[in-house]
Amino acid sequence: MGGAAAMYPHPMLRVVCTPRDALEADVVRGRLNDAGILTVVKRSVGSDLPQFGGGGARYVYVEDRDFDRANAVLNEPPPSDQELAELSAESYREATGHDPPPD
């Protein structure tokens, strides 16, 4: 036999994290997608009932080959307040062509 690759022609997916709800899952998905890592988000077992609405835990899957890199991205420290302010100002300049108004 040719091993797992012969049996499964599509990439294998692994759970990289289990966010508490849809909002947290969207943040995780965005961080990973920004790093060039494709994701699949599915409701976790037990939280796929209609009465949960948008609530309930999610599984975030990535391709097996991206698993270590995804963990590295998710374990990076969040940006500082100063870094966020600089990114915000830069984004404002790009969108409007001028500096943001002073606080």
C-alpha atoms as a PDB file:
ATOM      1  CA  MET A   1       0.000   0.000   0.000  1.00  0.00           C
ATOM      2  CA  GLY A   2       1.060   3.576  -0.539  1.00  0.00           C
ATOM      3  CA  GLY A   3       0.383   4.686   3.033  1.00  0.00           C
ATOM      4  CA  ALA A   4      -1.912   7.439   4.264  1.00  0.00           C
ATOM      5  CA  ALA A   5      -1.218   9.688   1.284  1.00  0.00           C
ATOM      6  CA  ALA A   6      -2.600   7.051  -1.066  1.00  0.00           C
ATOM      7  CA  MET A   7      -5.690   6.539   1.092  1.00  0.00           C
ATOM      8  CA  TYR A   8      -6.372  10.256   1.616  1.00  0.00           C
ATOM      9  CA  PRO A   9      -5.648  12.354  -1.463  1.00  0.00           C
ATOM     10  CA  HIS A  10      -6.799  15.520   0.327  1.00  0.00           C
ATOM     11  CA  PRO A  11      -4.799  17.281   3.039  1.00  0.00           C
ATOM     12  CA  MET A  12      -5.311  15.980   6.557  1.00  0.00           C
ATOM     13  CA  LEU A  13      -6.770  18.531   8.970  1.00  0.00           C
ATOM     14  CA  ARG A  14      -5.864  18.937  12.637  1.00  0.00           C
ATOM     15  CA  VAL A  15      -7.547  20.944  15.387  1.00  0.00           C
ATOM     16  CA  VAL A  16      -5.201  23.787  16.270  1.00  0.00           C
ATOM     17  CA  CYS A  17      -7.429  25.334  18.957  1.00  0.00           C
ATOM     18  CA  THR A  18     -10.940  25.330  20.397  1.00  0.00           C
ATOM     19  CA  PRO A  19     -12.290  28.878  20.846  1.00  0.00           C
ATOM     20  CA  ARG A  20     -15.229  29.386  23.221  1.00  0.00           C
ATOM     21  CA  ASP A  21     -17.580  30.919  20.653  1.00  0.00           C
ATOM     22  CA  ALA A  22     -18.027  32.150  17.083  1.00  0.00           C
ATOM     23  CA  LEU A  23     -16.528  35.594  17.755  1.00  0.00           C
ATOM     24  CA  GLU A  24     -13.339  34.167  19.234  1.00  0.00           C
ATOM     25  CA  ALA A  25     -13.172  31.654  16.358  1.00  0.00           C
ATOM     26  CA  ASP A  26     -13.396  34.534  13.844  1.00  0.00           C
ATOM     27  CA  VAL A  27     -10.479  36.305  15.542  1.00  0.00           C
ATOM     28  CA  VAL A  28      -8.388  33.111  15.421  1.00  0.00           C
ATOM     29  CA  ARG A  29      -9.347  32.512  11.794  1.00  0.00           C
ATOM     30  CA  GLY A  30      -8.363  36.074  10.889  1.00  0.00           C
ATOM     31  CA  ARG A  31      -4.956  35.805  12.567  1.00  0.00           C
ATOM     32  CA  LEU A  32      -4.213  32.529  10.819  1.00  0.00           C
ATOM     33  CA  ASN A  33      -5.526  33.686   7.439  1.00  0.00           C
ATOM     34  CA  ASP A  34      -3.399  36.853   7.707  1.00  0.00           C
ATOM     35  CA  ALA A  35      -0.399  34.540   8.137  1.00  0.00           C
ATOM     36  CA  GLY A  36      -1.382  32.674   4.959  1.00  0.00           C
ATOM     37  CA  ILE A  37      -2.785  29.649   6.793  1.00  0.00           C
ATOM     38  CA  LEU A  38      -6.124  28.336   5.570  1.00  0.00           C
ATOM     39  CA  THR A  39      -8.651  27.363   8.235  1.00  0.00           C
ATOM     40  CA  VAL A  40     -11.880  25.442   8.634  1.00  0.00           C
ATOM     41  CA  VAL A  41     -14.097  26.315  11.601  1.00  0.00           C
ATOM     42  CA  LYS A  42     -16.782  23.908  12.809  1.00  0.00           C
ATOM     43  CA  ARG A  43     -18.929  23.775  15.921  1.00  0.00           C
ATOM     44  CA  SER A  44     -17.534  21.431  18.513  1.00  0.00           C
ATOM     45  CA  VAL A  45     -19.316  18.284  19.576  1.00  0.00           C
ATOM     46  CA  GLY A  46     -22.083  19.139  22.006  1.00  0.00           C
ATOM     47  CA  SER A  47     -22.389  22.781  20.950  1.00  0.00           C
ATOM     48  CA  ASP A  48     -23.934  22.068  17.566  1.00  0.00           C
ATOM     49  CA  LEU A  49     -27.476  22.219  18.936  1.00  0.00           C
ATOM     50  CA  PRO A  50     -29.855  24.881  17.574  1.00  0.00           C
ATOM     51  CA  GLN A  51     -30.589  26.258  21.043  1.00  0.00           C
ATOM     52  CA  PHE A  52     -26.982  27.489  21.282  1.00  0.00           C
ATOM     53  CA  GLY A  53     -27.543  29.889  18.377  1.00  0.00           C
ATOM     54  CA  GLY A  54     -24.156  31.443  17.592  1.00  0.00           C
ATOM     55  CA  GLY A  55     -22.762  30.410  20.964  1.00  0.00           C
ATOM     56  CA  GLY A  56     -20.810  27.329  21.858  1.00  0.00           C
ATOM     57  CA  ALA A  57     -17.253  26.216  21.297  1.00  0.00           C
ATOM     58  CA  ARG A  58     -15.714  25.777  17.865  1.00  0.00           C
ATOM     59  CA  TYR A  59     -12.913  23.661  16.453  1.00  0.00           C
ATOM     60  CA  VAL A  60     -10.405  25.512  14.281  1.00  0.00           C
ATOM     61  CA  TYR A  61      -8.756  23.126  11.830  1.00  0.00           C
ATOM     62  CA  VAL A  62      -5.627  23.702   9.763  1.00  0.00           C
ATOM     63  CA  GLU A  63      -3.816  21.464   7.313  1.00  0.00           C
ATOM     64  CA  ASP A  64      -1.392  19.099   9.004  1.00  0.00           C
ATOM     65  CA  ARG A  65       1.572  20.738   7.241  1.00  0.00           C
ATOM     66  CA  ASP A  66       0.577  24.150   8.744  1.00  0.00           C
ATOM     67  CA  PHE A  67      -0.066  22.908  12.286  1.00  0.00           C
ATOM     68  CA  ASP A  68       3.273  23.962  13.852  1.00  0.00           C
ATOM     69  CA  ARG A  69       3.257  27.332  12.096  1.00  0.00           C
ATOM     70  CA  ALA A  70      -0.356  27.944  13.200  1.00  0.00           C
ATOM     71  CA  ASN A  71       0.581  27.236  16.811  1.00  0.00           C
ATOM     72  CA  ALA A  72       3.494  29.661  16.508  1.00  0.00           C
ATOM     73  CA  VAL A  73       1.181  32.379  15.148  1.00  0.00           C
ATOM     74  CA  LEU A  74      -1.367  31.822  17.915  1.00  0.00           C
ATOM     75  CA  ASN A  75       1.333  31.888  20.597  1.00  0.00           C
ATOM     76  CA  GLU A  76       2.776  35.233  19.478  1.00  0.00           C
ATOM     77  CA  PRO A  77       2.214  37.956  22.082  1.00  0.00           C
ATOM     78  CA  PRO A  78      -0.510  40.446  21.152  1.00  0.00           C
ATOM     79  CA  PRO A  79       0.575  43.878  19.929  1.00  0.00           C
ATOM     80  CA  SER A  80       1.117  46.561  22.549  1.00  0.00           C
ATOM     81  CA  ASP A  81      -1.173  49.590  22.812  1.00  0.00           C
ATOM     82  CA  GLN A  82       1.557  51.682  21.171  1.00  0.00           C
ATOM     83  CA  GLU A  83       1.855  49.241  18.252  1.00  0.00           C
ATOM     84  CA  LEU A  84      -1.927  49.257  17.809  1.00  0.00           C
ATOM     85  CA  ALA A  85      -1.970  53.069  17.799  1.00  0.00           C
ATOM     86  CA  GLU A  86       0.769  53.149  15.148  1.00  0.00           C
ATOM     87  CA  LEU A  87      -1.052  50.586  12.993  1.00  0.00           C
ATOM     88  CA  SER A  88      -4.272  52.548  13.332  1.00  0.00           C
ATOM     89  CA  ALA A  89      -2.564  55.808  12.316  1.00  0.00           C
ATOM     90  CA  GLU A  90      -0.904  54.103   9.351  1.00  0.00           C
ATOM     91  CA  SER A  91      -4.226  52.651   8.220  1.00  0.00           C
ATOM     92  CA  TYR A  92      -5.888  56.067   8.536  1.00  0.00           C
ATOM     93  CA  ARG A  93      -3.127  57.676   6.438  1.00  0.00           C
ATOM     94  CA  GLU A  94      -3.481  55.010   3.742  1.00  0.00           C
ATOM     95  CA  ALA A  95      -7.266  55.445   3.607  1.00  0.00           C
ATOM     96  CA  THR A  96      -7.419  59.256   3.713  1.00  0.00           C
ATOM     97  CA  GLY A  97      -4.057  60.512   2.554  1.00  0.00           C
ATOM     98  CA  HIS A  98      -3.449  62.591   5.720  1.00  0.00           C
ATOM     99  CA  ASP A  99      -2.481  62.182   9.331  1.00  0.00           C
ATOM    100  CA  PRO A 100      -5.182  61.275  11.842  1.00  0.00           C
ATOM    101  CA  PRO A 101      -6.517  64.065  14.051  1.00  0.00           C
ATOM    102  CA  PRO A 102      -4.844  64.417  17.447  1.00  0.00           C
ATOM    103  CA  ASP A 103      -6.506  62.708  20.398  1.00  0.00           C
END
